[in-house]
N, C-alpha and C. Protein backbone atom coordinates (compact mmCIF):
# COMPACT_ATOMS: atom_id res chain seq x y z
N MET A 1 4.80 111.71 108.85
CA MET A 1 4.96 110.50 108.33
C MET A 1 4.04 110.38 106.95
N LYS A 2 2.85 110.67 107.00
CA LYS A 2 2.07 110.39 106.19
C LYS A 2 2.57 111.28 104.98
N GLU A 3 2.93 112.37 105.03
CA GLU A 3 3.36 113.37 104.29
C GLU A 3 4.82 112.98 103.29
N ILE A 4 5.74 112.19 104.29
CA ILE A 4 6.69 111.56 103.98
C ILE A 4 6.62 110.51 102.76
N LEU A 5 5.66 109.49 103.28
CA LEU A 5 5.25 108.71 102.28
C LEU A 5 4.51 108.91 100.96
N LYS A 6 3.75 110.16 100.98
CA LYS A 6 3.18 110.67 100.16
C LYS A 6 4.22 111.09 98.95
N ASN A 7 4.97 111.95 99.48
CA ASN A 7 6.19 112.47 98.43
C ASN A 7 7.09 111.55 98.09
N ASN A 8 7.46 110.28 98.81
CA ASN A 8 8.24 109.50 98.08
C ASN A 8 7.68 108.11 97.76
N ALA A 9 6.29 108.07 97.31
CA ALA A 9 5.52 107.16 96.97
C ALA A 9 6.22 106.35 95.83
N GLY A 10 6.56 107.17 94.70
CA GLY A 10 7.34 106.55 93.62
C GLY A 10 8.72 105.85 94.14
N VAL A 11 9.36 106.66 94.64
CA VAL A 11 10.76 105.86 95.30
C VAL A 11 10.30 104.49 96.02
N LEU A 12 9.47 104.49 96.83
CA LEU A 12 8.73 103.24 97.49
C LEU A 12 8.60 102.11 96.39
N GLY A 13 7.89 102.53 95.36
CA GLY A 13 7.32 101.50 94.41
C GLY A 13 8.66 101.07 93.49
N VAL A 14 9.59 101.91 93.36
CA VAL A 14 10.78 101.44 92.78
C VAL A 14 11.76 100.58 93.58
N LEU A 15 11.66 100.82 94.74
CA LEU A 15 12.51 99.95 95.62
C LEU A 15 11.94 98.56 95.81
N THR A 16 10.59 98.38 96.06
CA THR A 16 10.14 97.15 96.08
C THR A 16 10.21 96.50 94.78
N THR A 17 10.06 97.00 93.46
CA THR A 17 10.44 96.59 92.40
C THR A 17 11.73 96.01 92.13
N THR A 18 12.67 96.79 92.69
CA THR A 18 14.10 96.46 92.58
C THR A 18 14.38 95.24 93.55
N PHE A 19 13.73 95.29 94.62
CA PHE A 19 13.95 94.04 95.55
C PHE A 19 13.75 92.93 94.99
N PHE A 20 12.29 92.86 94.21
CA PHE A 20 11.66 91.70 93.82
C PHE A 20 12.38 91.31 92.50
N ALA A 21 13.08 92.09 91.92
CA ALA A 21 13.62 91.77 90.66
C ALA A 21 15.17 91.11 90.82
N TYR A 22 15.51 91.76 91.93
CA TYR A 22 16.97 91.12 92.42
C TYR A 22 16.66 89.45 92.93
N ALA A 23 15.70 89.47 93.80
CA ALA A 23 15.41 88.02 94.51
C ALA A 23 14.96 86.99 93.13
N VAL A 24 14.31 87.59 91.99
CA VAL A 24 14.00 86.84 90.88
C VAL A 24 15.26 86.13 90.35
N TRP A 25 16.32 87.27 90.00
CA TRP A 25 17.46 87.12 89.39
C TRP A 25 18.27 85.85 90.56
N TRP A 26 18.28 86.10 91.82
CA TRP A 26 19.12 85.26 92.54
C TRP A 26 18.83 83.72 92.42
N TYR A 27 17.30 83.61 92.75
CA TYR A 27 16.86 82.30 92.66
C TYR A 27 17.13 81.67 91.44
N THR A 28 16.77 82.24 90.29
CA THR A 28 16.96 81.84 88.91
C THR A 28 18.61 81.38 88.55
N ALA A 29 19.23 82.17 89.17
CA ALA A 29 20.72 82.06 88.90
C ALA A 29 21.34 80.80 89.62
N GLN A 30 20.65 80.79 90.79
CA GLN A 30 21.05 79.67 91.58
C GLN A 30 20.63 78.20 91.00
N GLY A 31 19.53 78.42 90.23
CA GLY A 31 19.07 77.17 89.54
C GLY A 31 18.19 76.27 90.29
N TYR A 32 17.68 76.88 91.46
CA TYR A 32 16.81 76.24 92.52
C TYR A 32 15.56 75.46 91.74
N MET A 33 15.40 74.45 92.10
CA MET A 33 13.97 73.66 91.38
C MET A 33 12.77 74.27 92.01
N ASP A 34 12.68 74.63 93.43
CA ASP A 34 11.51 75.07 93.85
C ASP A 34 11.69 76.63 94.67
N VAL A 35 10.78 77.51 94.36
CA VAL A 35 11.12 78.76 94.67
C VAL A 35 9.78 79.09 95.75
N PRO A 36 10.39 79.80 97.02
CA PRO A 36 9.68 80.17 98.12
C PRO A 36 8.30 80.84 97.71
N ILE A 37 6.96 80.01 98.31
CA ILE A 37 5.81 80.70 97.93
C ILE A 37 5.79 82.22 98.24
N SER A 38 6.66 82.58 99.20
CA SER A 38 6.48 83.89 99.77
C SER A 38 6.97 84.97 98.94
N LEU A 39 7.83 84.48 97.79
CA LEU A 39 8.33 85.29 96.70
C LEU A 39 7.09 85.63 95.55
N TYR A 40 6.18 84.79 95.60
CA TYR A 40 5.18 84.83 94.75
C TYR A 40 4.24 86.01 95.52
N TYR A 41 4.09 85.82 96.90
CA TYR A 41 3.12 86.60 97.54
C TYR A 41 3.88 88.18 97.36
N PHE A 42 5.05 88.28 97.58
CA PHE A 42 5.85 89.43 97.68
C PHE A 42 5.38 90.15 96.29
N GLY A 43 5.52 89.46 95.27
CA GLY A 43 5.41 89.88 93.91
C GLY A 43 3.99 90.55 93.72
N VAL A 44 3.04 89.79 94.33
CA VAL A 44 1.64 90.11 94.11
C VAL A 44 1.37 91.48 94.96
N ALA A 45 1.82 91.49 96.18
CA ALA A 45 1.82 92.43 97.02
C ALA A 45 2.43 93.73 96.47
N SER A 46 3.69 93.64 95.58
CA SER A 46 4.28 94.73 95.10
C SER A 46 3.31 95.40 93.86
N VAL A 47 2.83 94.34 93.28
CA VAL A 47 1.76 95.09 92.12
C VAL A 47 0.54 95.74 92.55
N ILE A 48 0.11 95.27 93.79
CA ILE A 48 -0.94 95.94 94.50
C ILE A 48 -0.58 97.22 94.92
N LEU A 49 0.79 97.34 95.78
CA LEU A 49 1.17 98.50 96.36
C LEU A 49 1.25 99.56 95.08
N ASN A 50 2.06 99.20 93.97
CA ASN A 50 2.29 100.16 92.89
C ASN A 50 1.11 100.69 92.33
N LEU A 51 0.20 99.73 92.12
CA LEU A 51 -1.42 100.27 91.62
C LEU A 51 -1.85 101.20 92.48
N ALA A 52 -1.75 100.95 93.87
CA ALA A 52 -2.51 101.84 94.82
C ALA A 52 -1.72 103.20 94.72
N ILE A 53 -0.35 103.23 94.61
CA ILE A 53 0.41 104.48 94.32
C ILE A 53 0.06 105.17 93.16
N LEU A 54 -0.10 104.33 92.17
CA LEU A 54 -0.42 105.27 90.83
C LEU A 54 -1.84 105.58 90.88
N TRP A 55 -2.84 104.81 91.70
CA TRP A 55 -4.26 105.48 91.69
C TRP A 55 -4.19 106.67 92.78
N SER A 56 -3.50 106.60 93.60
CA SER A 56 -3.28 108.19 94.76
C SER A 56 -2.77 108.92 93.92
N LEU A 57 -1.89 108.89 93.08
CA LEU A 57 -1.03 109.96 92.39
C LEU A 57 -2.18 110.55 91.44
N SER A 58 -2.94 109.63 90.59
CA SER A 58 -4.10 110.04 89.80
C SER A 58 -5.02 110.90 90.52
N THR A 59 -5.34 110.45 91.69
CA THR A 59 -6.58 110.98 92.48
C THR A 59 -6.02 112.42 93.03
N THR A 60 -4.87 112.49 93.25
CA THR A 60 -4.33 113.97 93.67
C THR A 60 -4.40 114.79 92.62
N LYS A 61 -3.87 114.36 91.35
CA LYS A 61 -4.03 115.21 90.23
C LYS A 61 -5.20 115.61 89.83
N VAL A 62 -6.34 114.92 89.99
CA VAL A 62 -7.60 115.23 89.63
C VAL A 62 -8.11 116.40 90.69
N ILE A 63 -7.92 115.90 91.87
CA ILE A 63 -8.13 117.10 93.08
C ILE A 63 -7.58 118.50 92.62
N SER A 64 -6.20 118.35 92.43
CA SER A 64 -5.45 119.51 92.23
C SER A 64 -5.99 120.43 91.15
N LYS A 65 -6.63 119.70 89.91
CA LYS A 65 -7.26 120.28 88.65
C LYS A 65 -8.67 121.07 89.12
N LYS A 66 -9.38 120.41 90.03
CA LYS A 66 -10.56 120.92 90.27
C LYS A 66 -10.36 122.08 91.37
N LYS A 67 -9.32 122.22 92.27
CA LYS A 67 -9.02 123.45 92.73
C LYS A 67 -8.57 124.65 91.97
N ILE A 68 -7.63 124.37 90.92
CA ILE A 68 -7.33 125.32 89.94
C ILE A 68 -8.36 125.97 89.20
N THR A 69 -9.53 125.19 88.95
CA THR A 69 -10.71 125.54 88.43
C THR A 69 -11.54 126.49 89.14
N LYS A 70 -11.59 126.25 90.52
CA LYS A 70 -12.27 127.02 91.18
C LYS A 70 -11.66 128.36 91.49
N VAL A 71 -10.52 128.44 91.57
CA VAL A 71 -9.63 129.62 91.79
C VAL A 71 -9.97 130.55 90.48
N THR A 72 -9.84 130.02 89.38
CA THR A 72 -10.10 130.90 88.02
C THR A 72 -11.50 131.17 87.95
N LYS A 73 -12.33 131.05 89.05
CA LYS A 73 -13.43 131.85 88.88
C LYS A 73 -14.39 131.76 87.71
N GLY A 74 -14.39 130.54 87.15
CA GLY A 74 -15.36 130.25 86.04
C GLY A 74 -14.52 130.56 84.48
N LYS A 75 -13.19 130.76 84.57
CA LYS A 75 -12.70 130.77 83.39
C LYS A 75 -12.22 129.40 82.82
N LYS A 76 -12.64 129.31 81.66
CA LYS A 76 -12.29 128.13 81.06
C LYS A 76 -10.70 127.99 81.01
N MET A 77 -10.30 126.68 81.19
CA MET A 77 -8.79 126.42 80.94
C MET A 77 -8.65 125.21 80.24
N LYS A 78 -7.66 125.03 79.51
CA LYS A 78 -7.30 123.81 78.63
C LYS A 78 -6.43 123.07 79.07
N SER A 79 -6.88 121.92 79.55
CA SER A 79 -5.79 120.97 80.24
C SER A 79 -5.36 119.88 79.24
N LYS A 80 -4.14 119.50 79.19
CA LYS A 80 -3.95 118.48 78.35
C LYS A 80 -3.90 117.04 79.23
N LYS A 81 -4.60 116.11 78.60
CA LYS A 81 -4.79 114.75 79.44
C LYS A 81 -3.40 114.10 78.97
N GLY A 82 -2.84 113.41 79.86
CA GLY A 82 -1.69 112.43 79.58
C GLY A 82 -0.92 112.02 81.02
N PHE A 83 -0.21 111.23 80.66
CA PHE A 83 0.53 110.48 82.04
C PHE A 83 1.83 111.21 82.33
N THR A 84 1.91 111.24 83.67
CA THR A 84 3.15 112.23 84.21
C THR A 84 4.25 111.19 84.34
N LEU A 85 5.46 111.46 84.50
CA LEU A 85 6.67 110.52 84.37
C LEU A 85 6.72 109.48 85.44
N ILE A 86 6.08 109.79 86.82
CA ILE A 86 6.18 108.95 87.75
C ILE A 86 5.05 107.71 87.38
N GLU A 87 3.95 108.36 86.84
CA GLU A 87 2.94 107.42 86.47
C GLU A 87 3.43 106.38 85.32
N ILE A 88 4.24 106.80 84.69
CA ILE A 88 4.80 105.76 83.33
C ILE A 88 5.77 105.05 84.11
N LEU A 89 6.58 105.43 85.03
CA LEU A 89 7.67 104.54 85.71
C LEU A 89 6.77 103.52 86.47
N LEU A 90 5.65 103.95 87.26
CA LEU A 90 5.08 102.96 87.86
C LEU A 90 4.52 102.05 86.99
N VAL A 91 3.97 102.23 85.87
CA VAL A 91 3.41 101.18 85.00
C VAL A 91 4.41 100.18 84.50
N ILE A 92 5.51 100.80 84.20
CA ILE A 92 6.65 100.16 83.89
C ILE A 92 7.24 98.93 85.00
N ALA A 93 7.33 99.75 86.54
CA ALA A 93 7.49 98.80 87.53
C ALA A 93 6.64 97.67 87.68
N ILE A 94 5.15 97.97 87.35
CA ILE A 94 4.32 96.88 87.35
C ILE A 94 4.21 95.79 86.34
N LEU A 95 4.72 96.27 85.13
CA LEU A 95 5.06 95.24 84.34
C LEU A 95 6.20 94.22 84.55
N ALA A 96 7.24 94.79 85.13
CA ALA A 96 8.62 94.25 85.41
C ALA A 96 8.24 93.26 86.63
N ILE A 97 7.49 93.56 87.71
CA ILE A 97 6.87 92.60 88.60
C ILE A 97 6.29 91.52 88.01
N LEU A 98 5.29 91.71 87.33
CA LEU A 98 4.54 90.62 86.57
C LEU A 98 5.50 89.68 85.54
N ALA A 99 6.43 90.27 85.09
CA ALA A 99 7.22 89.39 84.31
C ALA A 99 8.06 88.52 85.15
N GLY A 100 8.68 89.38 86.29
CA GLY A 100 9.29 88.57 87.04
C GLY A 100 8.73 87.41 87.72
N VAL A 101 7.27 87.39 88.11
CA VAL A 101 6.71 86.50 88.59
C VAL A 101 6.55 85.45 87.57
N VAL A 102 6.35 85.68 86.26
CA VAL A 102 6.25 84.70 85.13
C VAL A 102 7.61 83.92 85.30
N ILE A 103 8.51 84.66 85.26
CA ILE A 103 10.07 84.21 85.22
C ILE A 103 10.18 82.98 86.31
N VAL A 104 9.71 83.50 87.54
CA VAL A 104 10.15 82.63 88.48
C VAL A 104 9.20 81.30 88.46
N ALA A 105 8.04 81.57 87.72
CA ALA A 105 7.11 80.43 87.68
C ALA A 105 7.74 79.19 86.57
N ILE A 106 8.07 80.01 85.47
CA ILE A 106 8.81 79.04 84.43
C ILE A 106 9.89 78.55 84.65
N ASN A 107 10.85 79.42 85.39
CA ASN A 107 12.31 78.94 85.70
C ASN A 107 13.00 78.44 84.43
N PRO A 108 13.46 79.41 83.57
CA PRO A 108 13.88 78.90 82.32
C PRO A 108 15.26 78.20 82.46
N PHE A 109 16.03 78.68 83.59
CA PHE A 109 17.34 77.78 83.88
C PHE A 109 17.09 76.49 84.06
N LYS A 110 15.97 76.04 84.82
CA LYS A 110 15.56 74.83 85.14
C LYS A 110 15.00 74.23 84.09
N GLN A 111 14.43 74.78 83.25
CA GLN A 111 13.62 74.12 81.90
C GLN A 111 14.97 73.73 81.08
N LEU A 112 15.91 74.73 80.89
CA LEU A 112 17.04 74.27 79.95
C LEU A 112 17.78 73.26 80.47
N ALA A 113 17.93 73.06 81.84
CA ALA A 113 18.77 71.88 82.45
C ALA A 113 18.04 70.55 82.30
N ASP A 114 16.72 70.72 82.32
CA ASP A 114 15.81 69.55 82.30
C ASP A 114 15.76 68.96 80.85
N ALA A 115 16.01 69.84 79.77
CA ALA A 115 15.83 69.67 78.20
C ALA A 115 17.17 68.92 78.19
N ARG A 116 18.55 69.45 78.79
CA ARG A 116 19.67 68.76 78.63
C ARG A 116 20.01 67.53 79.37
N ASN A 117 19.44 67.30 80.36
CA ASN A 117 19.20 65.95 81.04
C ASN A 117 18.46 65.04 80.15
N THR A 118 17.15 65.52 79.43
CA THR A 118 16.52 64.66 78.69
C THR A 118 17.38 64.14 77.61
N GLN A 119 18.24 65.09 77.00
CA GLN A 119 19.13 64.55 75.95
C GLN A 119 20.28 63.40 76.51
N ARG A 120 20.84 63.91 77.64
CA ARG A 120 21.88 62.98 78.20
C ARG A 120 21.19 61.39 78.37
N ARG A 121 19.98 61.32 78.74
CA ARG A 121 19.32 60.16 78.93
C ARG A 121 19.11 59.38 77.65
N ALA A 122 18.78 60.20 76.40
CA ALA A 122 18.65 59.55 75.19
C ALA A 122 20.10 59.10 74.65
N ASP A 123 21.10 59.73 74.91
CA ASP A 123 22.47 59.60 74.47
C ASP A 123 22.83 58.37 75.18
N ALA A 124 22.80 58.13 76.42
CA ALA A 124 23.41 57.18 77.20
C ALA A 124 22.63 55.91 76.69
N THR A 125 21.33 55.88 76.46
CA THR A 125 20.70 54.65 75.91
C THR A 125 21.12 54.40 74.47
N THR A 126 21.24 55.56 73.66
CA THR A 126 21.92 55.23 72.25
C THR A 126 23.39 54.31 72.43
N ILE A 127 24.18 54.78 73.17
CA ILE A 127 25.40 54.21 73.32
C ILE A 127 25.23 52.74 74.02
N LEU A 128 24.51 52.70 75.03
CA LEU A 128 24.34 51.22 75.43
C LEU A 128 23.77 50.26 74.19
N ASN A 129 22.74 51.07 73.74
CA ASN A 129 22.16 49.93 72.31
C ASN A 129 23.11 49.66 71.42
N ALA A 130 23.99 50.51 71.05
CA ALA A 130 25.00 50.28 70.19
C ALA A 130 25.75 48.92 70.76
N VAL A 131 26.37 49.13 71.99
CA VAL A 131 27.32 48.18 72.64
C VAL A 131 26.56 46.72 72.40
N TYR A 132 25.50 46.77 72.77
CA TYR A 132 24.64 45.47 72.71
C TYR A 132 24.73 44.85 71.44
N GLN A 133 24.34 45.75 70.54
CA GLN A 133 24.00 45.41 69.06
C GLN A 133 25.59 44.71 68.75
N TYR A 134 26.66 45.19 69.03
CA TYR A 134 28.17 44.84 68.81
C TYR A 134 28.12 43.36 69.54
N THR A 135 27.50 43.40 70.75
CA THR A 135 27.86 42.15 71.54
C THR A 135 26.91 40.81 70.99
N VAL A 136 26.02 41.36 70.28
CA VAL A 136 25.13 40.18 69.97
C VAL A 136 25.72 39.69 68.43
N ASP A 137 26.38 40.55 67.70
CA ASP A 137 26.89 40.31 66.56
C ASP A 137 28.44 39.73 66.69
N ASN A 138 28.75 39.69 67.98
CA ASN A 138 30.10 38.87 68.20
C ASN A 138 30.16 37.64 69.38
N SER A 139 28.92 37.23 69.35
CA SER A 139 28.61 35.86 70.28
C SER A 139 28.80 36.27 71.54
N GLY A 140 28.40 37.52 72.11
CA GLY A 140 28.14 37.92 73.56
C GLY A 140 29.45 38.55 73.90
N THR A 141 30.24 38.88 72.97
CA THR A 141 31.59 39.51 73.77
C THR A 141 31.46 40.95 73.67
N LEU A 142 31.70 41.57 74.72
CA LEU A 142 31.71 43.13 74.87
C LEU A 142 33.03 43.74 74.04
N PRO A 143 32.80 45.16 73.70
CA PRO A 143 34.08 45.70 73.07
C PRO A 143 35.25 45.31 74.14
N ALA A 144 36.34 45.12 73.66
CA ALA A 144 37.46 44.81 74.80
C ALA A 144 37.99 46.10 75.65
N THR A 145 37.86 47.32 75.19
CA THR A 145 38.17 48.45 75.67
C THR A 145 37.46 48.63 77.14
N ILE A 146 36.24 47.95 77.15
CA ILE A 146 35.21 48.39 78.29
C ILE A 146 35.85 47.78 79.44
N THR A 147 36.06 48.70 80.58
CA THR A 147 36.74 48.02 81.79
C THR A 147 35.61 48.17 82.91
N THR A 148 35.99 47.53 84.09
CA THR A 148 35.20 47.75 85.26
C THR A 148 35.13 49.09 86.00
N THR A 149 36.07 50.09 85.55
CA THR A 149 36.01 51.13 86.37
C THR A 149 35.40 52.17 85.22
N PRO A 150 34.39 53.18 85.77
CA PRO A 150 33.85 53.89 85.02
C PRO A 150 34.69 54.81 84.45
N THR A 151 34.75 55.09 83.11
CA THR A 151 35.42 55.80 82.29
C THR A 151 35.04 56.48 81.47
N ALA A 152 35.65 57.68 81.08
CA ALA A 152 34.96 58.42 79.78
C ALA A 152 35.06 57.94 78.48
N VAL A 153 33.90 58.10 77.75
CA VAL A 153 34.14 57.42 76.18
C VAL A 153 34.66 58.37 75.30
N CYS A 154 35.64 57.67 74.44
CA CYS A 154 36.15 58.60 73.48
C CYS A 154 35.40 59.12 72.57
N ALA A 155 35.43 60.34 72.12
CA ALA A 155 34.69 60.61 71.11
C ALA A 155 34.89 60.20 69.56
N THR A 156 34.23 60.12 68.68
CA THR A 156 34.80 59.62 67.21
C THR A 156 35.67 60.51 66.54
N ALA A 157 36.72 59.90 66.30
CA ALA A 157 37.90 60.37 65.49
C ALA A 157 38.78 61.22 66.58
N GLY A 158 38.52 61.11 67.98
CA GLY A 158 39.22 62.02 68.92
C GLY A 158 40.42 61.13 69.41
N THR A 159 41.12 61.83 70.24
CA THR A 159 42.58 61.15 70.85
C THR A 159 41.86 60.14 72.15
N CYS A 160 42.12 59.03 72.07
CA CYS A 160 41.70 58.27 72.89
C CYS A 160 42.38 57.70 74.15
N THR A 161 43.70 58.57 74.46
CA THR A 161 44.54 58.11 75.40
C THR A 161 44.03 58.22 76.52
N GLY A 162 44.07 57.24 77.41
CA GLY A 162 43.62 57.20 78.70
C GLY A 162 41.93 57.33 78.88
N ILE A 163 41.14 57.01 77.83
CA ILE A 163 39.75 56.82 78.06
C ILE A 163 39.31 55.71 77.14
N ILE A 164 38.04 55.44 76.91
CA ILE A 164 37.53 54.13 76.35
C ILE A 164 37.38 54.56 74.92
N ASP A 165 38.02 53.67 74.08
CA ASP A 165 37.93 53.58 72.64
C ASP A 165 36.66 52.79 72.18
N LEU A 166 35.72 53.45 71.72
CA LEU A 166 34.73 52.59 71.10
C LEU A 166 34.56 52.73 69.56
N THR A 167 35.66 52.85 68.83
CA THR A 167 35.45 52.92 67.64
C THR A 167 35.07 51.83 66.79
N VAL A 168 35.08 50.79 67.64
CA VAL A 168 34.54 49.41 66.81
C VAL A 168 32.91 49.93 66.81
N LEU A 169 32.39 50.55 67.32
CA LEU A 169 30.96 50.92 67.09
C LEU A 169 30.69 51.77 66.08
N THR A 170 31.50 52.53 65.51
CA THR A 170 31.52 53.64 64.56
C THR A 170 32.06 53.18 63.24
N THR A 171 32.80 52.30 63.17
CA THR A 171 33.69 51.81 62.08
C THR A 171 32.49 51.24 61.04
N ASN A 172 32.62 52.08 59.77
CA ASN A 172 31.55 51.93 58.75
C ASN A 172 30.09 52.28 58.87
N GLU A 173 29.97 52.91 60.00
CA GLU A 173 28.68 53.32 60.64
C GLU A 173 27.79 52.19 60.89
N LYS A 174 28.49 51.05 61.37
CA LYS A 174 27.63 49.57 61.47
C LYS A 174 26.75 49.90 62.50
N TYR A 175 27.04 50.31 63.60
CA TYR A 175 26.13 50.31 64.87
C TYR A 175 25.43 51.77 65.25
N ILE A 176 26.72 52.68 64.91
CA ILE A 176 26.21 54.15 65.24
C ILE A 176 27.26 54.96 64.23
N THR A 177 26.49 55.99 63.89
CA THR A 177 27.16 57.06 63.07
C THR A 177 28.39 57.71 63.89
N SER A 178 28.03 58.20 64.82
CA SER A 178 29.00 59.05 65.79
C SER A 178 28.59 58.73 66.99
N LEU A 179 29.40 58.68 67.88
CA LEU A 179 29.12 58.73 69.41
C LEU A 179 28.64 60.11 69.87
N PRO A 180 27.31 60.05 70.59
CA PRO A 180 26.88 61.48 71.00
C PRO A 180 27.69 61.99 72.32
N LYS A 181 27.81 63.22 72.25
CA LYS A 181 28.39 64.10 73.22
C LYS A 181 27.62 64.76 74.26
N ASP A 182 28.03 64.86 75.60
CA ASP A 182 27.06 65.55 76.39
C ASP A 182 27.05 66.90 76.09
N PRO A 183 25.71 67.52 76.19
CA PRO A 183 25.57 68.95 75.76
C PRO A 183 26.11 70.01 76.23
N SER A 184 26.96 69.59 77.43
CA SER A 184 27.74 70.47 78.34
C SER A 184 28.93 70.37 78.34
N SER A 185 29.57 69.14 78.66
CA SER A 185 30.72 68.61 79.14
C SER A 185 31.67 67.98 77.65
N GLY A 186 30.88 67.77 76.85
CA GLY A 186 31.45 66.76 75.57
C GLY A 186 32.49 67.78 75.15
N THR A 187 33.45 67.25 74.79
CA THR A 187 34.84 67.84 74.01
C THR A 187 35.02 67.29 72.69
N VAL A 188 36.31 67.47 72.09
CA VAL A 188 36.65 66.86 70.81
C VAL A 188 37.08 65.39 71.08
N ASN A 189 37.66 65.31 72.18
CA ASN A 189 38.27 63.97 72.70
C ASN A 189 37.18 63.21 73.51
N SER A 190 36.45 63.79 74.22
CA SER A 190 35.66 62.95 74.98
C SER A 190 34.24 63.35 74.94
N THR A 191 33.44 62.35 74.94
CA THR A 191 31.97 62.66 74.80
C THR A 191 31.36 62.96 75.94
N GLY A 192 31.93 62.81 77.24
CA GLY A 192 31.21 63.49 78.37
C GLY A 192 30.40 62.27 79.14
N TYR A 193 30.39 61.00 78.69
CA TYR A 193 29.67 60.12 79.00
C TYR A 193 30.60 59.06 79.58
N ASN A 194 30.22 58.22 80.71
CA ASN A 194 31.34 57.20 81.25
C ASN A 194 30.59 55.87 81.10
N ILE A 195 31.50 54.78 80.71
CA ILE A 195 30.95 53.48 80.82
C ILE A 195 31.80 52.51 81.51
N SER A 196 31.18 51.54 81.89
CA SER A 196 31.93 50.30 82.70
C SER A 196 31.08 49.31 82.48
N LYS A 197 31.54 47.91 83.12
CA LYS A 197 30.90 46.66 82.88
C LYS A 197 31.20 46.04 84.31
N SER A 198 30.35 45.36 84.80
CA SER A 198 30.36 44.50 85.91
C SER A 198 31.06 43.34 85.77
N ALA A 199 31.38 42.54 87.04
CA ALA A 199 31.94 41.09 86.75
C ALA A 199 31.08 40.41 86.15
N ASN A 200 29.73 40.41 85.99
CA ASN A 200 28.83 39.59 85.39
C ASN A 200 28.64 39.92 83.66
N GLY A 201 29.11 41.08 83.18
CA GLY A 201 29.17 41.47 82.01
C GLY A 201 28.11 42.29 81.66
N ARG A 202 27.30 43.02 82.87
CA ARG A 202 26.27 43.87 82.71
C ARG A 202 26.94 45.39 82.35
N VAL A 203 26.68 46.31 81.53
CA VAL A 203 27.27 47.43 80.78
C VAL A 203 26.58 48.59 81.59
N THR A 204 27.04 49.60 81.97
CA THR A 204 26.56 50.74 82.68
C THR A 204 27.06 52.13 81.59
N VAL A 205 25.82 52.93 81.32
CA VAL A 205 26.71 54.30 80.61
C VAL A 205 25.77 55.21 81.63
N ALA A 206 26.79 56.20 82.20
CA ALA A 206 26.42 57.27 82.95
C ALA A 206 26.58 58.55 82.28
N ALA A 207 25.95 59.70 82.81
CA ALA A 207 26.29 60.88 82.53
C ALA A 207 26.73 61.82 83.77
N PRO A 208 27.78 62.00 83.93
CA PRO A 208 28.40 62.52 85.43
C PRO A 208 28.05 64.03 85.29
N SER A 209 27.56 64.51 84.05
CA SER A 209 27.49 66.20 84.19
C SER A 209 26.01 66.38 84.32
N ALA A 210 25.08 65.40 84.59
CA ALA A 210 23.76 65.71 84.82
C ALA A 210 23.33 66.74 85.84
N GLU A 211 22.17 67.46 85.28
CA GLU A 211 22.13 68.78 86.42
C GLU A 211 21.01 68.57 87.28
N ASN A 212 20.65 69.77 88.06
CA ASN A 212 19.74 69.82 88.93
C ASN A 212 19.52 68.52 89.99
N SER A 213 20.90 67.86 90.35
CA SER A 213 20.89 67.08 91.36
C SER A 213 20.38 65.71 90.81
N VAL A 214 20.24 65.27 89.42
CA VAL A 214 19.71 64.18 88.86
C VAL A 214 20.80 63.22 88.47
N THR A 215 20.65 61.85 88.95
CA THR A 215 21.50 60.86 88.65
C THR A 215 21.10 60.28 87.09
N ILE A 216 21.84 60.38 86.24
CA ILE A 216 21.35 59.81 84.97
C ILE A 216 22.46 58.59 84.76
N SER A 217 21.80 57.12 84.74
CA SER A 217 22.80 55.90 84.42
C SER A 217 21.66 54.95 83.88
N VAL A 218 22.26 54.52 82.90
CA VAL A 218 21.50 53.24 82.21
C VAL A 218 22.36 51.97 82.02
N THR A 219 21.62 50.85 82.64
CA THR A 219 22.35 49.68 82.92
C THR A 219 21.57 48.52 82.20
N ARG A 220 22.37 47.76 81.38
CA ARG A 220 21.69 46.50 80.92
C ARG A 220 22.54 45.14 80.92
């Protein structure tokens, strides 16, 4: 068993690296907000394992050189110092594991989704502010197209069939230059944001495409 492990140490290092890389990819692809702490431990353990394999191979190499020197009975031999292919592969594996740990810690998919959610909150507030500025200028009257049913807002210069037309806000750029669009679901016709009013005249702008299980809704 010891000999098998010794002869296949490099393979073992590559397998642990492959498994860790796959686990990192899977968790980031799923967009999970929390990553199991066990994955961090596995990454650290993999680094230690690969370092141990690298050290073992280096030690074996030094011992082999000493034996060859003794056999030559004092003859001087020129030996070139350098890394073997397996040593280079192990170093690459260690770097890959460390990169994986950083990726898991940073979780770029979550960071990008959070950035888009931040934009959605700002956009929803912008639309709501424009609606209320219009309301103030029109003696408390909301745009007539807003209904009590949450409906998508029409994009500026879009086709507004079946969705809420708020061009009264963008005419002559009086309240807003153009209606902002959701960073992932906005289209030529729809902003990707919903708007509705309550029976008491309170207006709500929501972002149904919010990510990471976040609810984005602004009411005033």
